[in-house]
C-alpha cells in the first residue's frame, strides 16, 4: 500500500471513531429524556448527533474512496483500529475508564493490523 492509501485509511477510521464518541456524548445528553411519545423523538436530533452523523457520512465517502484504490482484504483490517482509538478517545472526552485488558486487546489488534497489511 502507498503512504496515501494508509493515510486515507487512518483518517477514515479516525473519523468513524470520532463519530462513536459523538454518539456516546449524545446518549449522555439524552439520559433523562422519556421517549414514550413521538414528540420526544425530536429531542434526539441534537447538534452533537447531527455532527456524529456527518462524521459517519464523510467517513463512508472516504471509505468508498479507499476501496477504489485498495483491495478490500488489505483495507478492511484497518477498521479494527477503531477498537484501539475509541477507548482512548472515550477516556479523554467522556471520562470513561480504560482497563488493562483494553490496552492488551489494543496491542493485539495493532499487531494483527500490522501483520495483515504486510505485502
Protein backbone atom coordinates (compact mmCIF):
# COMPACT_ATOMS: atom_id res chain seq x y z
CA UNK A 1 0.00 0.00 0.00
CA UNK A 2 1.09 3.54 -0.64
CA UNK A 3 1.51 6.17 2.03
CA UNK A 4 -1.58 7.94 0.64
CA UNK A 5 -3.69 4.79 0.97
CA UNK A 6 -2.56 4.28 4.57
CA UNK A 7 -3.19 7.92 5.49
CA UNK A 8 -6.65 7.82 3.91
CA UNK A 9 -7.44 4.60 5.76
CA UNK A 10 -6.28 6.05 9.07
CA UNK A 11 -8.26 9.26 8.52
CA UNK A 12 -11.37 7.22 7.72
CA UNK A 13 -11.04 5.08 10.84
CA UNK A 14 -10.30 8.13 12.99
CA UNK A 15 -13.45 9.85 11.69
CA UNK A 16 -15.52 6.74 12.45
CA UNK A 17 -14.05 6.75 15.96
CA UNK A 18 -14.88 10.42 16.47
CA UNK A 19 -18.43 9.64 15.36
CA UNK A 20 -18.67 6.97 18.05
CA UNK A 21 -17.58 9.43 20.73
CA UNK A 22 -20.16 11.91 19.49
CA UNK A 23 -22.85 9.19 19.62
CA UNK A 24 -21.88 8.49 23.24
CA UNK A 25 -21.99 12.20 24.06
CA UNK A 26 -25.47 12.33 22.51
CA UNK A 27 -26.58 9.35 24.59
CA UNK A 28 -25.26 11.01 27.75
CA UNK A 29 -27.05 14.23 26.85
CA UNK A 30 -30.33 12.37 26.38
CA UNK A 31 -30.10 10.25 29.54
CA UNK A 32 -33.09 11.96 31.18
CA UNK A 33 -35.35 12.11 28.12
CA UNK A 34 -38.51 9.99 28.17
CA UNK A 35 -39.07 8.54 24.72
CA UNK A 36 -42.61 7.30 25.33
CA UNK A 37 -44.13 9.89 22.97
CA UNK A 38 -43.38 10.62 19.34
CA UNK A 39 -42.69 14.29 20.11
CA UNK A 40 -39.81 13.22 22.35
CA UNK A 41 -38.03 11.68 19.38
CA UNK A 42 -37.36 15.17 18.04
CA UNK A 43 -35.10 15.74 21.06
CA UNK A 44 -32.75 13.08 19.71
CA UNK A 45 -31.63 15.35 16.89
CA UNK A 46 -29.18 17.42 18.87
CA UNK A 47 -26.30 19.30 17.24
CA UNK A 48 -23.90 16.65 18.58
CA UNK A 49 -25.90 13.87 16.93
CA UNK A 50 -26.01 15.74 13.65
CA UNK A 51 -22.24 16.17 13.85
CA UNK A 52 -21.85 12.44 14.56
CA UNK A 53 -23.99 11.57 11.56
CA UNK A 54 -21.95 13.98 9.43
CA UNK A 55 -18.76 12.23 10.55
CA UNK A 56 -20.25 8.92 9.52
CA UNK A 57 -21.40 10.27 6.15
CA UNK A 58 -17.97 11.72 5.42
CA UNK A 59 -16.19 8.56 6.59
CA UNK A 60 -18.46 6.50 4.32
CA UNK A 61 -17.50 8.65 1.35
CA UNK A 62 -13.84 8.34 2.32
CA UNK A 63 -14.20 4.55 2.69
CA UNK A 64 -15.57 4.32 -0.85
CA UNK A 65 -12.54 6.33 -1.98
CA UNK A 66 -10.26 3.92 -0.14
CA UNK A 67 -11.91 0.92 -1.77
CA UNK A 68 -11.47 2.43 -5.23
CA UNK A 69 -7.68 2.23 -4.81
CA UNK A 70 -7.14 -0.51 -2.23
CA UNK A 71 -8.13 -4.19 -2.20
CA UNK A 72 -10.78 -4.87 0.45
CA UNK A 73 -8.69 -7.63 2.04
CA UNK A 74 -5.91 -5.06 2.67
CA UNK A 75 -8.15 -2.16 3.72
CA UNK A 76 -10.66 -3.87 6.00
CA UNK A 77 -8.26 -4.90 8.80
CA UNK A 78 -7.62 -1.19 9.39
CA UNK A 79 -11.24 -0.81 10.52
CA UNK A 80 -10.24 -2.77 13.63
CA UNK A 81 -8.15 0.23 14.66
CA UNK A 82 -11.42 1.84 15.78
CA UNK A 83 -11.32 -0.67 18.67
CA UNK A 84 -7.99 0.90 19.63
CA UNK A 85 -8.89 4.55 19.07
CA UNK A 86 -12.38 4.68 20.60
CA UNK A 87 -11.42 3.64 24.15
CA UNK A 88 -8.69 6.25 24.32
CA UNK A 89 -10.94 8.98 22.92
CA UNK A 90 -13.67 7.93 25.35
CA UNK A 91 -11.21 8.38 28.21
CA UNK A 92 -10.31 11.89 27.08
CA UNK A 93 -13.73 13.18 26.01
CA UNK A 94 -16.23 11.15 28.04
CA UNK A 95 -14.15 10.28 31.10
CA UNK A 96 -14.53 6.53 30.78
CA UNK A 97 -12.03 4.26 32.50
CA UNK A 98 -9.59 2.17 30.46
CA UNK A 99 -8.81 -1.25 31.91
CA UNK A 100 -5.58 -3.11 31.35
CA UNK A 101 -7.49 -5.68 29.31
CA UNK A 102 -8.50 -2.95 26.86
CA UNK A 103 -4.86 -1.96 26.47
CA UNK A 104 -3.82 -5.60 25.99
CA UNK A 105 -6.54 -6.06 23.38
CA UNK A 106 -5.42 -2.87 21.61
CA UNK A 107 -1.87 -4.20 21.38
CA UNK A 108 -3.12 -7.48 19.91
CA UNK A 109 -5.25 -5.58 17.39
CA UNK A 110 -2.31 -3.39 16.39
CA UNK A 111 -0.17 -6.47 15.81
CA UNK A 112 -2.97 -8.05 13.75
CA UNK A 113 -3.36 -4.98 11.56
CA UNK A 114 0.40 -4.81 11.03
CA UNK A 115 0.63 -8.49 10.13
CA UNK A 116 -2.36 -8.33 7.76
CA UNK A 117 -1.06 -5.25 5.97
CA UNK A 118 2.34 -6.73 5.11
CA UNK A 119 2.57 -7.17 1.36
